[in-house]
């Protein structure tokens, strides 16, 4: 879905949404 450049961003987002 998102580019590999935004992969690091998705990881942070997941921690905030799930965590």
Protein backbone atom coordinates (compact mmCIF):
# COMPACT_ATOMS: atom_id res chain seq x y z
CA UNK A 1 0.00 0.00 0.00
CA UNK A 2 2.39 2.70 1.20
CA UNK A 3 5.89 3.12 -0.24
CA UNK A 4 8.86 1.57 1.58
CA UNK A 5 9.91 5.12 2.49
CA UNK A 6 6.76 5.50 4.60
CA UNK A 7 7.13 2.00 6.10
CA UNK A 8 8.79 3.52 9.20
CA UNK A 9 5.82 5.86 9.52
CA UNK A 10 3.31 3.00 9.36
CA UNK A 11 5.14 1.22 12.19
CA UNK A 12 4.80 4.26 14.44
CA UNK A 13 1.15 4.65 13.50
CA UNK A 14 0.38 1.02 14.34
CA UNK A 15 1.94 1.35 17.80
CA UNK A 16 -0.22 4.40 18.50
CA UNK A 17 -3.44 2.88 17.12
CA UNK A 18 -2.95 -0.61 18.62
CA UNK A 19 -0.82 0.35 21.62
